[in-house]
Amino acid sequence: PLPALAGIAAVLAASQTTYDLIWKPSKIAPAVEDVTSGSARTT
C-alpha cells in the first residue's frame, strides 16, 4: 500500500493547498460554495 498511499496523499495535499492558496482567496470558491450549499446565507 505504501506507493499507492503516497500518490493518493500527494494528490490530496496538492488539491487542498491549491484550494487554500488560489481558489479561496480569489473569491471564486466562496461564490461556488454559496451557490452549491444546501442552505442560503443571509446578509
Full PDB file with SEQRES, HELIX, SHEET, SSBOND, CRYST1, ORIGX, SCALE, CONECT and MASTER records, all heavy atoms in Angstrom:
SEQRES   1 A   43  PRO LEU PRO ALA LEU ALA GLY ILE ALA ALA VAL LEU ALA          
SEQRES   2 A   43  ALA SER GLN THR THR TYR ASP LEU ILE TRP LYS PRO SER          
SEQRES   3 A   43  LYS ILE ALA PRO ALA VAL GLU ASP VAL THR SER GLY SER          
SEQRES   4 A   43  ALA ARG THR THR                                              
HELIX    1 AA1 LEU A    2  THR A   18  1                                  17    
HELIX    2 AA2 TYR A   19  TRP A   23  3                                   5    
HELIX    3 AA3 ILE A   28  THR A   36  1                                   9    
CRYST1    1.000    1.000    1.000  90.00  90.00  90.00 P 1           1          
ORIGX1      1.000000  0.000000  0.000000        0.00000                         
ORIGX2      0.000000  1.000000  0.000000        0.00000                         
ORIGX3      0.000000  0.000000  1.000000        0.00000                         
SCALE1      1.000000  0.000000  0.000000        0.00000                         
SCALE2      0.000000  1.000000  0.000000        0.00000                         
SCALE3      0.000000  0.000000  1.000000        0.00000                         
ATOM      1  N   PRO A   1       0.788  -1.229   0.000  1.00  0.00           N  
ATOM      2  CA  PRO A   1       0.000   0.000   0.000  1.00  0.00           C  
ATOM      3  C   PRO A   1       0.823   1.283   0.000  1.00  0.00           C  
ATOM      4  O   PRO A   1       0.297   2.337  -0.332  1.00  0.00           O  
ATOM      5  CB  PRO A   1      -0.805  -0.117   1.290  1.00  0.00           C  
ATOM      6  CG  PRO A   1       0.058  -0.932   2.196  1.00  0.00           C  
ATOM      7  CD  PRO A   1       0.761  -1.905   1.290  1.00  0.00           C  
ATOM      8  N   LEU A   2       2.096   1.207   0.337  1.00  0.00           N  
ATOM      9  CA  LEU A   2       2.863   2.440   0.513  1.00  0.00           C  
ATOM     10  C   LEU A   2       2.987   3.283  -0.752  1.00  0.00           C  
ATOM     11  O   LEU A   2       2.720   4.491  -0.706  1.00  0.00           O  
ATOM     12  CB  LEU A   2       4.241   2.121   1.090  1.00  0.00           C  
ATOM     13  CG  LEU A   2       5.010   3.313   1.655  1.00  0.00           C  
ATOM     14  CD1 LEU A   2       4.176   4.044   2.705  1.00  0.00           C  
ATOM     15  CD2 LEU A   2       6.307   2.860   2.257  1.00  0.00           C  
ATOM     16  N   PRO A   3       3.365   2.735  -1.908  1.00  0.00           N  
ATOM     17  CA  PRO A   3       3.448   3.586  -3.104  1.00  0.00           C  
ATOM     18  C   PRO A   3       2.096   4.177  -3.496  1.00  0.00           C  
ATOM     19  O   PRO A   3       2.016   5.357  -3.867  1.00  0.00           O  
ATOM     20  CB  PRO A   3       3.956   2.648  -4.198  1.00  0.00           C  
ATOM     21  CG  PRO A   3       4.601   1.519  -3.486  1.00  0.00           C  
ATOM     22  CD  PRO A   3       3.860   1.387  -2.190  1.00  0.00           C  
ATOM     23  N   ALA A   4       1.054   3.392  -3.397  1.00  0.00           N  
ATOM     24  CA  ALA A   4      -0.271   3.898  -3.754  1.00  0.00           C  
ATOM     25  C   ALA A   4      -0.716   4.972  -2.776  1.00  0.00           C  
ATOM     26  O   ALA A   4      -1.228   6.018  -3.179  1.00  0.00           O  
ATOM     27  CB  ALA A   4      -1.271   2.748  -3.778  1.00  0.00           C  
ATOM     28  N   LEU A   5      -0.510   4.743  -1.494  1.00  0.00           N  
ATOM     29  CA  LEU A   5      -0.906   5.739  -0.496  1.00  0.00           C  
ATOM     30  C   LEU A   5      -0.106   7.027  -0.632  1.00  0.00           C  
ATOM     31  O   LEU A   5      -0.637   8.115  -0.399  1.00  0.00           O  
ATOM     32  CB  LEU A   5      -0.756   5.164   0.912  1.00  0.00           C  
ATOM     33  CG  LEU A   5      -1.758   4.076   1.286  1.00  0.00           C  
ATOM     34  CD1 LEU A   5      -1.459   3.530   2.672  1.00  0.00           C  
ATOM     35  CD2 LEU A   5      -3.179   4.601   1.219  1.00  0.00           C  
ATOM     36  N   ALA A   6       1.150   6.921  -1.009  1.00  0.00           N  
ATOM     37  CA  ALA A   6       1.969   8.124  -1.208  1.00  0.00           C  
ATOM     38  C   ALA A   6       1.434   8.957  -2.368  1.00  0.00           C  
ATOM     39  O   ALA A   6       1.356  10.190  -2.270  1.00  0.00           O  
ATOM     40  CB  ALA A   6       3.422   7.730  -1.461  1.00  0.00           C  
ATOM     41  N   GLY A   7       1.044   8.314  -3.435  1.00  0.00           N  
ATOM     42  CA  GLY A   7       0.476   9.046  -4.570  1.00  0.00           C  
ATOM     43  C   GLY A   7      -0.854   9.686  -4.239  1.00  0.00           C  
ATOM     44  O   GLY A   7      -1.120  10.835  -4.586  1.00  0.00           O  
ATOM     45  N   ILE A   8      -1.696   8.948  -3.527  1.00  0.00           N  
ATOM     46  CA  ILE A   8      -3.002   9.482  -3.132  1.00  0.00           C  
ATOM     47  C   ILE A   8      -2.814  10.661  -2.180  1.00  0.00           C  
ATOM     48  O   ILE A   8      -3.476  11.694  -2.304  1.00  0.00           O  
ATOM     49  CB  ILE A   8      -3.861   8.375  -2.502  1.00  0.00           C  
ATOM     50  CG1 ILE A   8      -4.216   7.336  -3.568  1.00  0.00           C  
ATOM     51  CG2 ILE A   8      -5.115   8.946  -1.863  1.00  0.00           C  
ATOM     52  CD1 ILE A   8      -4.806   6.058  -3.014  1.00  0.00           C  
ATOM     53  N   ALA A   9      -1.902  10.536  -1.230  1.00  0.00           N  
ATOM     54  CA  ALA A   9      -1.641  11.626  -0.290  1.00  0.00           C  
ATOM     55  C   ALA A   9      -1.092  12.859  -1.001  1.00  0.00           C  
ATOM     56  O   ALA A   9      -1.431  13.990  -0.644  1.00  0.00           O  
ATOM     57  CB  ALA A   9      -0.658  11.161   0.787  1.00  0.00           C  
ATOM     58  N   ALA A  10      -0.264  12.652  -2.013  1.00  0.00           N  
ATOM     59  CA  ALA A  10       0.273  13.786  -2.767  1.00  0.00           C  
ATOM     60  C   ALA A  10      -0.826  14.537  -3.503  1.00  0.00           C  
ATOM     61  O   ALA A  10      -0.857  15.775  -3.510  1.00  0.00           O  
ATOM     62  CB  ALA A  10       1.341  13.303  -3.754  1.00  0.00           C  
ATOM     63  N   VAL A  11      -1.758  13.814  -4.106  1.00  0.00           N  
ATOM     64  CA  VAL A  11      -2.875  14.464  -4.801  1.00  0.00           C  
ATOM     65  C   VAL A  11      -3.770  15.192  -3.807  1.00  0.00           C  
ATOM     66  O   VAL A  11      -4.201  16.321  -4.050  1.00  0.00           O  
ATOM     67  CB  VAL A  11      -3.681  13.435  -5.625  1.00  0.00           C  
ATOM     68  CG1 VAL A  11      -4.961  14.038  -6.155  1.00  0.00           C  
ATOM     69  CG2 VAL A  11      -2.836  12.895  -6.760  1.00  0.00           C  
ATOM     70  N   LEU A  12      -4.038  14.569  -2.663  1.00  0.00           N  
ATOM     71  CA  LEU A  12      -4.860  15.202  -1.638  1.00  0.00           C  
ATOM     72  C   LEU A  12      -4.207  16.483  -1.129  1.00  0.00           C  
ATOM     73  O   LEU A  12      -4.859  17.533  -1.025  1.00  0.00           O  
ATOM     74  CB  LEU A  12      -5.103  14.226  -0.488  1.00  0.00           C  
ATOM     75  CG  LEU A  12      -5.937  14.736   0.677  1.00  0.00           C  
ATOM     76  CD1 LEU A  12      -7.330  15.102   0.202  1.00  0.00           C  
ATOM     77  CD2 LEU A  12      -6.005  13.699   1.771  1.00  0.00           C  
ATOM     78  N   ALA A  13      -2.916  16.423  -0.833  1.00  0.00           N  
ATOM     79  CA  ALA A  13      -2.210  17.610  -0.346  1.00  0.00           C  
ATOM     80  C   ALA A  13      -2.169  18.710  -1.397  1.00  0.00           C  
ATOM     81  O   ALA A  13      -2.367  19.890  -1.080  1.00  0.00           O  
ATOM     82  CB  ALA A  13      -0.787  17.219   0.073  1.00  0.00           C  
ATOM     83  N   ALA A  14      -1.934  18.340  -2.638  1.00  0.00           N  
ATOM     84  CA  ALA A  14      -1.887  19.344  -3.706  1.00  0.00           C  
ATOM     85  C   ALA A  14      -3.240  20.004  -3.911  1.00  0.00           C  
ATOM     86  O   ALA A  14      -3.324  21.225  -4.098  1.00  0.00           O  
ATOM     87  CB  ALA A  14      -1.410  18.699  -5.006  1.00  0.00           C  
ATOM     88  N   SER A  15      -4.317  19.227  -3.844  1.00  0.00           N  
ATOM     89  CA  SER A  15      -5.642  19.811  -4.056  1.00  0.00           C  
ATOM     90  C   SER A  15      -6.017  20.745  -2.915  1.00  0.00           C  
ATOM     91  O   SER A  15      -6.564  21.824  -3.146  1.00  0.00           O  
ATOM     92  CB  SER A  15      -6.697  18.721  -4.228  1.00  0.00           C  
ATOM     93  OG  SER A  15      -6.886  18.019  -3.018  1.00  0.00           O  
ATOM     94  N   GLN A  16      -5.723  20.374  -1.686  1.00  0.00           N  
ATOM     95  CA  GLN A  16      -6.050  21.236  -0.556  1.00  0.00           C  
ATOM     96  C   GLN A  16      -5.185  22.498  -0.551  1.00  0.00           C  
ATOM     97  O   GLN A  16      -5.672  23.585  -0.239  1.00  0.00           O  
ATOM     98  CB  GLN A  16      -5.883  20.472   0.754  1.00  0.00           C  
ATOM     99  CG  GLN A  16      -6.913  19.387   0.946  1.00  0.00           C  
ATOM    100  CD  GLN A  16      -8.330  19.926   0.893  1.00  0.00           C  
ATOM    101  OE1 GLN A  16      -9.083  19.602  -0.017  1.00  0.00           O  
ATOM    102  NE2 GLN A  16      -8.710  20.745   1.827  1.00  0.00           N  
ATOM    103  N   THR A  17      -3.915  22.360  -0.912  1.00  0.00           N  
ATOM    104  CA  THR A  17      -3.028  23.518  -0.975  1.00  0.00           C  
ATOM    105  C   THR A  17      -3.472  24.485  -2.060  1.00  0.00           C  
ATOM    106  O   THR A  17      -3.511  25.698  -1.852  1.00  0.00           O  
ATOM    107  CB  THR A  17      -1.579  23.062  -1.230  1.00  0.00           C  
ATOM    108  OG1 THR A  17      -1.192  22.175  -0.172  1.00  0.00           O  
ATOM    109  CG2 THR A  17      -0.633  24.238  -1.281  1.00  0.00           C  
ATOM    110  N   THR A  18      -3.847  23.958  -3.217  1.00  0.00           N  
ATOM    111  CA  THR A  18      -4.338  24.806  -4.301  1.00  0.00           C  
ATOM    112  C   THR A  18      -5.603  25.535  -3.887  1.00  0.00           C  
ATOM    113  O   THR A  18      -5.756  26.729  -4.156  1.00  0.00           O  
ATOM    114  CB  THR A  18      -4.613  23.955  -5.559  1.00  0.00           C  
ATOM    115  OG1 THR A  18      -3.416  23.284  -5.925  1.00  0.00           O  
ATOM    116  CG2 THR A  18      -5.096  24.806  -6.706  1.00  0.00           C  
ATOM    117  N   TYR A  19      -6.486  24.844  -3.205  1.00  0.00           N  
ATOM    118  CA  TYR A  19      -7.723  25.482  -2.741  1.00  0.00           C  
ATOM    119  C   TYR A  19      -7.401  26.625  -1.781  1.00  0.00           C  
ATOM    120  O   TYR A  19      -7.906  27.737  -1.931  1.00  0.00           O  
ATOM    121  CB  TYR A  19      -8.624  24.462  -2.060  1.00  0.00           C  
ATOM    122  CG  TYR A  19      -9.840  25.088  -1.412  1.00  0.00           C  
ATOM    123  CD1 TYR A  19     -10.924  25.477  -2.180  1.00  0.00           C  
ATOM    124  CD2 TYR A  19      -9.884  25.317  -0.041  1.00  0.00           C  
ATOM    125  CE1 TYR A  19     -12.043  26.064  -1.601  1.00  0.00           C  
ATOM    126  CE2 TYR A  19     -10.988  25.909   0.544  1.00  0.00           C  
ATOM    127  CZ  TYR A  19     -12.059  26.279  -0.239  1.00  0.00           C  
ATOM    128  OH  TYR A  19     -13.144  26.873   0.338  1.00  0.00           O  
ATOM    129  N   ASP A  20      -6.547  26.355  -0.788  1.00  0.00           N  
ATOM    130  CA  ASP A  20      -6.236  27.371   0.223  1.00  0.00           C  
ATOM    131  C   ASP A  20      -5.452  28.552  -0.331  1.00  0.00           C  
ATOM    132  O   ASP A  20      -5.659  29.689   0.089  1.00  0.00           O  
ATOM    133  CB  ASP A  20      -5.450  26.749   1.378  1.00  0.00           C  
ATOM    134  CG  ASP A  20      -6.332  25.867   2.256  1.00  0.00           C  
ATOM    135  OD1 ASP A  20      -7.559  26.100   2.290  1.00  0.00           O  
ATOM    136  OD2 ASP A  20      -5.786  24.959   2.908  1.00  0.00           O  
ATOM    137  N   LEU A  21      -4.555  28.303  -1.283  1.00  0.00           N  
ATOM    138  CA  LEU A  21      -3.691  29.379  -1.782  1.00  0.00           C  
ATOM    139  C   LEU A  21      -4.259  30.147  -2.973  1.00  0.00           C  
ATOM    140  O   LEU A  21      -3.943  31.319  -3.157  1.00  0.00           O  
ATOM    141  CB  LEU A  21      -2.320  28.816  -2.162  1.00  0.00           C  
ATOM    142  CG  LEU A  21      -1.485  28.271  -1.006  1.00  0.00           C  
ATOM    143  CD1 LEU A  21      -0.176  27.687  -1.528  1.00  0.00           C  
ATOM    144  CD2 LEU A  21      -1.196  29.357   0.016  1.00  0.00           C  
ATOM    145  N   ILE A  22      -5.083  29.497  -3.787  1.00  0.00           N  
ATOM    146  CA  ILE A  22      -5.544  30.143  -5.027  1.00  0.00           C  
ATOM    147  C   ILE A  22      -7.047  30.380  -5.017  1.00  0.00           C  
ATOM    148  O   ILE A  22      -7.508  31.507  -5.167  1.00  0.00           O  
ATOM    149  CB  ILE A  22      -5.141  29.310  -6.253  1.00  0.00           C  
ATOM    150  CG1 ILE A  22      -3.621  29.241  -6.352  1.00  0.00           C  
ATOM    151  CG2 ILE A  22      -5.747  29.894  -7.526  1.00  0.00           C  
ATOM    152  CD1 ILE A  22      -3.105  28.307  -7.409  1.00  0.00           C  
ATOM    153  N   TRP A  23      -7.836  29.317  -4.851  1.00  0.00           N  
ATOM    154  CA  TRP A  23      -9.279  29.444  -5.055  1.00  0.00           C  
ATOM    155  C   TRP A  23      -9.977  30.185  -3.931  1.00  0.00           C  
ATOM    156  O   TRP A  23     -10.837  31.022  -4.187  1.00  0.00           O  
ATOM    157  CB  TRP A  23      -9.912  28.074  -5.265  1.00  0.00           C  
ATOM    158  CG  TRP A  23      -9.438  27.455  -6.530  1.00  0.00           C  
ATOM    159  CD1 TRP A  23      -8.599  26.393  -6.645  1.00  0.00           C  
ATOM    160  CD2 TRP A  23      -9.716  27.893  -7.856  1.00  0.00           C  
ATOM    161  NE1 TRP A  23      -8.339  26.129  -7.963  1.00  0.00           N  
ATOM    162  CE2 TRP A  23      -9.026  27.047  -8.736  1.00  0.00           C  
ATOM    163  CE3 TRP A  23     -10.480  28.918  -8.391  1.00  0.00           C  
ATOM    164  CZ2 TRP A  23      -9.086  27.183 -10.103  1.00  0.00           C  
ATOM    165  CZ3 TRP A  23     -10.542  29.050  -9.762  1.00  0.00           C  
ATOM    166  CH2 TRP A  23      -9.849  28.189 -10.601  1.00  0.00           C  
ATOM    167  N   LYS A  24      -9.640  29.897  -2.694  1.00  0.00           N  
ATOM    168  CA  LYS A  24     -10.319  30.537  -1.581  1.00  0.00           C  
ATOM    169  C   LYS A  24     -10.076  32.049  -1.554  1.00  0.00           C  
ATOM    170  O   LYS A  24     -11.023  32.814  -1.414  1.00  0.00           O  
ATOM    171  CB  LYS A  24      -9.887  29.887  -0.266  1.00  0.00           C  
ATOM    172  CG  LYS A  24     -10.760  30.245   0.907  1.00  0.00           C  
ATOM    173  CD  LYS A  24     -10.379  29.414   2.115  1.00  0.00           C  
ATOM    174  CE  LYS A  24     -11.264  29.721   3.287  1.00  0.00           C  
ATOM    175  NZ  LYS A  24     -10.890  28.910   4.447  1.00  0.00           N  
ATOM    176  N   PRO A  25      -8.839  32.523  -1.708  1.00  0.00           N  
ATOM    177  CA  PRO A  25      -8.624  33.985  -1.721  1.00  0.00           C  
ATOM    178  C   PRO A  25      -9.180  34.681  -2.968  1.00  0.00           C  
ATOM    179  O   PRO A  25      -9.397  35.886  -2.939  1.00  0.00           O  
ATOM    180  CB  PRO A  25      -7.101  34.139  -1.675  1.00  0.00           C  
ATOM    181  CG  PRO A  25      -6.571  32.839  -1.237  1.00  0.00           C  
ATOM    182  CD  PRO A  25      -7.578  31.803  -1.647  1.00  0.00           C  
ATOM    183  N   SER A  26      -9.427  33.946  -4.040  1.00  0.00           N  
ATOM    184  CA  SER A  26      -9.868  34.577  -5.283  1.00  0.00           C  
ATOM    185  C   SER A  26     -11.342  34.966  -5.275  1.00  0.00           C  
ATOM    186  O   SER A  26     -11.818  35.575  -6.216  1.00  0.00           O  
ATOM    187  CB  SER A  26      -9.622  33.644  -6.470  1.00  0.00           C  
ATOM    188  OG  SER A  26     -10.549  32.578  -6.440  1.00  0.00           O  
ATOM    189  N   LYS A  27     -12.060  34.616  -4.228  1.00  0.00           N  
ATOM    190  CA  LYS A  27     -13.499  34.885  -4.097  1.00  0.00           C  
ATOM    191  C   LYS A  27     -14.348  34.002  -5.011  1.00  0.00           C  
ATOM    192  O   LYS A  27     -15.554  34.123  -5.021  1.00  0.00           O  
ATOM    193  CB  LYS A  27     -13.844  36.365  -4.341  1.00  0.00           C  
ATOM    194  CG  LYS A  27     -13.054  37.323  -3.501  1.00  0.00           C  
ATOM    195  CD  LYS A  27     -13.407  37.187  -2.038  1.00  0.00           C  
ATOM    196  CE  LYS A  27     -12.681  38.277  -1.258  1.00  0.00           C  
ATOM    197  NZ  LYS A  27     -12.113  37.842  -0.035  1.00  0.00           N  
ATOM    198  N   ILE A  28     -13.718  33.138  -5.788  1.00  0.00           N  
ATOM    199  CA  ILE A  28     -14.474  32.211  -6.617  1.00  0.00           C  
ATOM    200  C   ILE A  28     -15.022  31.079  -5.752  1.00  0.00           C  
ATOM    201  O   ILE A  28     -16.191  30.713  -5.867  1.00  0.00           O  
ATOM    202  CB  ILE A  28     -13.606  31.654  -7.767  1.00  0.00           C  
ATOM    203  CG1 ILE A  28     -13.255  32.785  -8.727  1.00  0.00           C  
ATOM    204  CG2 ILE A  28     -14.305  30.518  -8.492  1.00  0.00           C  
ATOM    205  CD1 ILE A  28     -12.253  32.396  -9.783  1.00  0.00           C  
ATOM    206  N   ALA A  29     -14.189  30.544  -4.869  1.00  0.00           N  
ATOM    207  CA  ALA A  29     -14.616  29.429  -4.025  1.00  0.00           C  
ATOM    208  C   ALA A  29     -15.797  29.801  -3.130  1.00  0.00           C  
ATOM    209  O   ALA A  29     -16.770  29.044  -3.058  1.00  0.00           O  
ATOM    210  CB  ALA A  29     -13.445  28.910  -3.196  1.00  0.00           C  
ATOM    211  N   PRO A  30     -15.767  30.952  -2.436  1.00  0.00           N  
ATOM    212  CA  PRO A  30     -16.935  31.292  -1.621  1.00  0.00           C  
ATOM    213  C   PRO A  30     -18.213  31.453  -2.453  1.00  0.00           C  
ATOM    214  O   PRO A  30     -19.295  31.078  -1.996  1.00  0.00           O  
ATOM    215  CB  PRO A  30     -16.549  32.615  -0.960  1.00  0.00           C  
ATOM    216  CG  PRO A  30     -15.062  32.585  -0.913  1.00  0.00           C  
ATOM    217  CD  PRO A  30     -14.663  31.870  -2.166  1.00  0.00           C  
ATOM    218  N   ALA A  31     -18.089  31.970  -3.659  1.00  0.00           N  
ATOM    219  CA  ALA A  31     -19.272  32.112  -4.520  1.00  0.00           C  
ATOM    220  C   ALA A  31     -19.818  30.748  -4.913  1.00  0.00           C  
ATOM    221  O   ALA A  31     -21.030  30.525  -4.889  1.00  0.00           O  
ATOM    222  CB  ALA A  31     -18.917  32.925  -5.763  1.00  0.00           C  
ATOM    223  N   VAL A  32     -18.945  29.827  -5.248  1.00  0.00           N  
ATOM    224  CA  VAL A  32     -19.380  28.472  -5.609  1.00  0.00           C  
ATOM    225  C   VAL A  32     -19.996  27.785  -4.390  1.00  0.00           C  
ATOM    226  O   VAL A  32     -21.022  27.116  -4.495  1.00  0.00           O  
ATOM    227  CB  VAL A  32     -18.203  27.647  -6.175  1.00  0.00           C  
ATOM    228  CG1 VAL A  32     -18.579  26.185  -6.329  1.00  0.00           C  
ATOM    229  CG2 VAL A  32     -17.733  28.228  -7.481  1.00  0.00           C  
ATOM    230  N   GLU A  33     -19.379  27.963  -3.220  1.00  0.00           N  
ATOM    231  CA  GLU A  33     -19.912  27.360  -2.007  1.00  0.00           C  
ATOM    232  C   GLU A  33     -21.297  27.918  -1.671  1.00  0.00           C  
ATOM    233  O   GLU A  33     -22.174  27.186  -1.222  1.00  0.00           O  
ATOM    234  CB  GLU A  33     -18.945  27.568  -0.850  1.00  0.00           C  
ATOM    235  CG  GLU A  33     -17.679  26.747  -0.999  1.00  0.00           C  
ATOM    236  CD  GLU A  33     -16.601  27.130  -0.002  1.00  0.00           C  
ATOM    237  OE1 GLU A  33     -16.847  28.001   0.858  1.00  0.00           O  
ATOM    238  OE2 GLU A  33     -15.508  26.554  -0.084  1.00  0.00           O  
ATOM    239  N   ASP A  34     -21.497  29.206  -1.880  1.00  0.00           N  
ATOM    240  CA  ASP A  34     -22.810  29.801  -1.637  1.00  0.00           C  
ATOM    241  C   ASP A  34     -23.866  29.224  -2.571  1.00  0.00           C  
ATOM    242  O   ASP A  34     -24.988  28.954  -2.160  1.00  0.00           O  
ATOM    243  CB  ASP A  34     -22.766  31.323  -1.806  1.00  0.00           C  
ATOM    244  CG  ASP A  34     -22.077  32.015  -0.641  1.00  0.00           C  
ATOM    245  OD1 ASP A  34     -21.937  31.390   0.440  1.00  0.00           O  
ATOM    246  OD2 ASP A  34     -21.678  33.186  -0.804  1.00  0.00           O  
ATOM    247  N   VAL A  35     -23.509  29.032  -3.815  1.00  0.00           N  
ATOM    248  CA  VAL A  35     -24.464  28.525  -4.795  1.00  0.00           C  
ATOM    249  C   VAL A  35     -24.763  27.048  -4.558  1.00  0.00           C  
ATOM    250  O   VAL A  35     -25.906  26.608  -4.699  1.00  0.00           O  
ATOM    251  CB  VAL A  35     -23.933  28.743  -6.238  1.00  0.00           C  
ATOM    252  CG1 VAL A  35     -24.791  28.031  -7.250  1.00  0.00           C  
ATOM    253  CG2 VAL A  35     -23.853  30.225  -6.535  1.00  0.00           C  
ATOM    254  N   THR A  36     -23.756  26.278  -4.175  1.00  0.00           N  
ATOM    255  CA  THR A  36     -23.931  24.833  -4.071  1.00  0.00           C  
ATOM    256  C   THR A  36     -24.318  24.335  -2.684  1.00  0.00           C  
ATOM    257  O   THR A  36     -24.647  23.178  -2.534  1.00  0.00           O  
ATOM    258  CB  THR A  36     -22.654  24.098  -4.509  1.00  0.00           C  
ATOM    259  OG1 THR A  36     -21.572  24.519  -3.679  1.00  0.00           O  
ATOM    260  CG2 THR A  36     -22.353  24.370  -5.967  1.00  0.00           C  
ATOM    261  N   SER A  37     -24.261  25.198  -1.681  1.00  0.00           N  
ATOM    262  CA  SER A  37     -24.622  24.743  -0.342  1.00  0.00           C  
ATOM    263  C   SER A  37     -26.141  24.586  -0.241  1.00  0.00           C  
ATOM    264  O   SER A  37     -26.902  25.262  -0.933  1.00  0.00           O  
ATOM    265  CB  SER A  37     -24.121  25.720   0.719  1.00  0.00           C  
ATOM    266  OG  SER A  37     -24.809  26.940   0.622  1.00  0.00           O  
ATOM    267  N   GLY A  38     -26.563  23.719   0.645  1.00  0.00           N  
ATOM    268  CA  GLY A  38     -27.990  23.448   0.786  1.00  0.00           C  
ATOM    269  C   GLY A  38     -28.751  24.575   1.435  1.00  0.00           C  
ATOM    270  O   GLY A  38     -29.938  24.751   1.217  1.00  0.00           O  
ATOM    271  N   SER A  39     -28.081  25.376   2.241  1.00  0.00           N  
ATOM    272  CA  SER A  39     -28.775  26.463   2.931  1.00  0.00           C  
ATOM    273  C   SER A  39     -28.315  27.801   2.399  1.00  0.00           C  
ATOM    274  O   SER A  39     -27.158  28.009   2.104  1.00  0.00           O  
ATOM    275  CB  SER A  39     -28.503  26.393   4.435  1.00  0.00           C  
ATOM    276  OG  SER A  39     -27.117  26.524   4.680  1.00  0.00           O  
ATOM    277  N   ALA A  40     -29.251  28.706   2.275  1.00  0.00           N  
ATOM    278  CA  ALA A  40     -28.926  30.042   1.769  1.00  0.00           C  
ATOM    279  C   ALA A  40     -28.433  30.903   2.927  1.00  0.00           C  
ATOM    280  O   ALA A  40     -28.963  30.871   4.026  1.00  0.00           O  
ATOM    281  CB  ALA A  40     -30.154  30.674   1.135  1.00  0.00           C  
ATOM    282  N   ARG A  41     -27.412  31.689   2.667  1.00  0.00           N  
ATOM    283  CA  ARG A  41     -26.890  32.608   3.674  1.00  0.00           C  
ATOM    284  C   ARG A  41     -27.651  33.925   3.593  1.00  0.00           C  
ATOM    285  O   ARG A  41     -28.017  34.380   2.520  1.00  0.00           O  
ATOM    286  CB  ARG A  41     -25.402  32.871   3.433  1.00  0.00           C  
ATOM    287  CG  ARG A  41     -24.536  31.677   3.674  1.00  0.00           C  
ATOM    288  CD  ARG A  41     -23.093  32.081   3.562  1.00  0.00           C  
ATOM    289  NE  ARG A  41     -22.233  30.904   3.619  1.00  0.00           N  
ATOM    290  CZ  ARG A  41     -20.931  30.963   3.498  1.00  0.00           C  
ATOM    291  NH1 ARG A  41     -20.326  32.087   3.298  1.00  0.00           N  
ATOM    292  NH2 ARG A  41     -20.218  29.861   3.561  1.00  0.00           N  
ATOM    293  N   THR A  42     -27.812  34.515   4.729  1.00  0.00           N  
ATOM    294  CA  THR A  42     -28.455  35.833   4.748  1.00  0.00           C  
ATOM    295  C   THR A  42     -27.404  36.874   5.084  1.00  0.00           C  
ATOM    296  O   THR A  42     -26.513  36.639   5.886  1.00  0.00           O  
ATOM    297  CB  THR A  42     -29.586  35.889   5.790  1.00  0.00           C  
ATOM    298  OG1 THR A  42     -29.041  35.579   7.079  1.00  0.00           O  
ATOM    299  CG2 THR A  42     -30.677  34.907   5.439  1.00  0.00           C  
ATOM    300  N   THR A  43     -27.480  38.008   4.455  1.00  0.00           N  
ATOM    301  CA  THR A  43     -26.529  39.078   4.708  1.00  0.00           C  
ATOM    302  C   THR A  43     -27.262  40.260   5.309  1.00  0.00           C  
ATOM    303  O   THR A  43     -28.400  40.544   4.998  1.00  0.00           O  
ATOM    304  CB  THR A  43     -25.837  39.537   3.401  1.00  0.00           C  
ATOM    305  OG1 THR A  43     -26.831  39.928   2.477  1.00  0.00           O  
ATOM    306  CG2 THR A  43     -24.996  38.416   2.821  1.00  0.00           C  
TER     307      THR A  43                                                      
MASTER        0    0    0    3    0    0    0    6  306    1    0    4          
END                                                                             
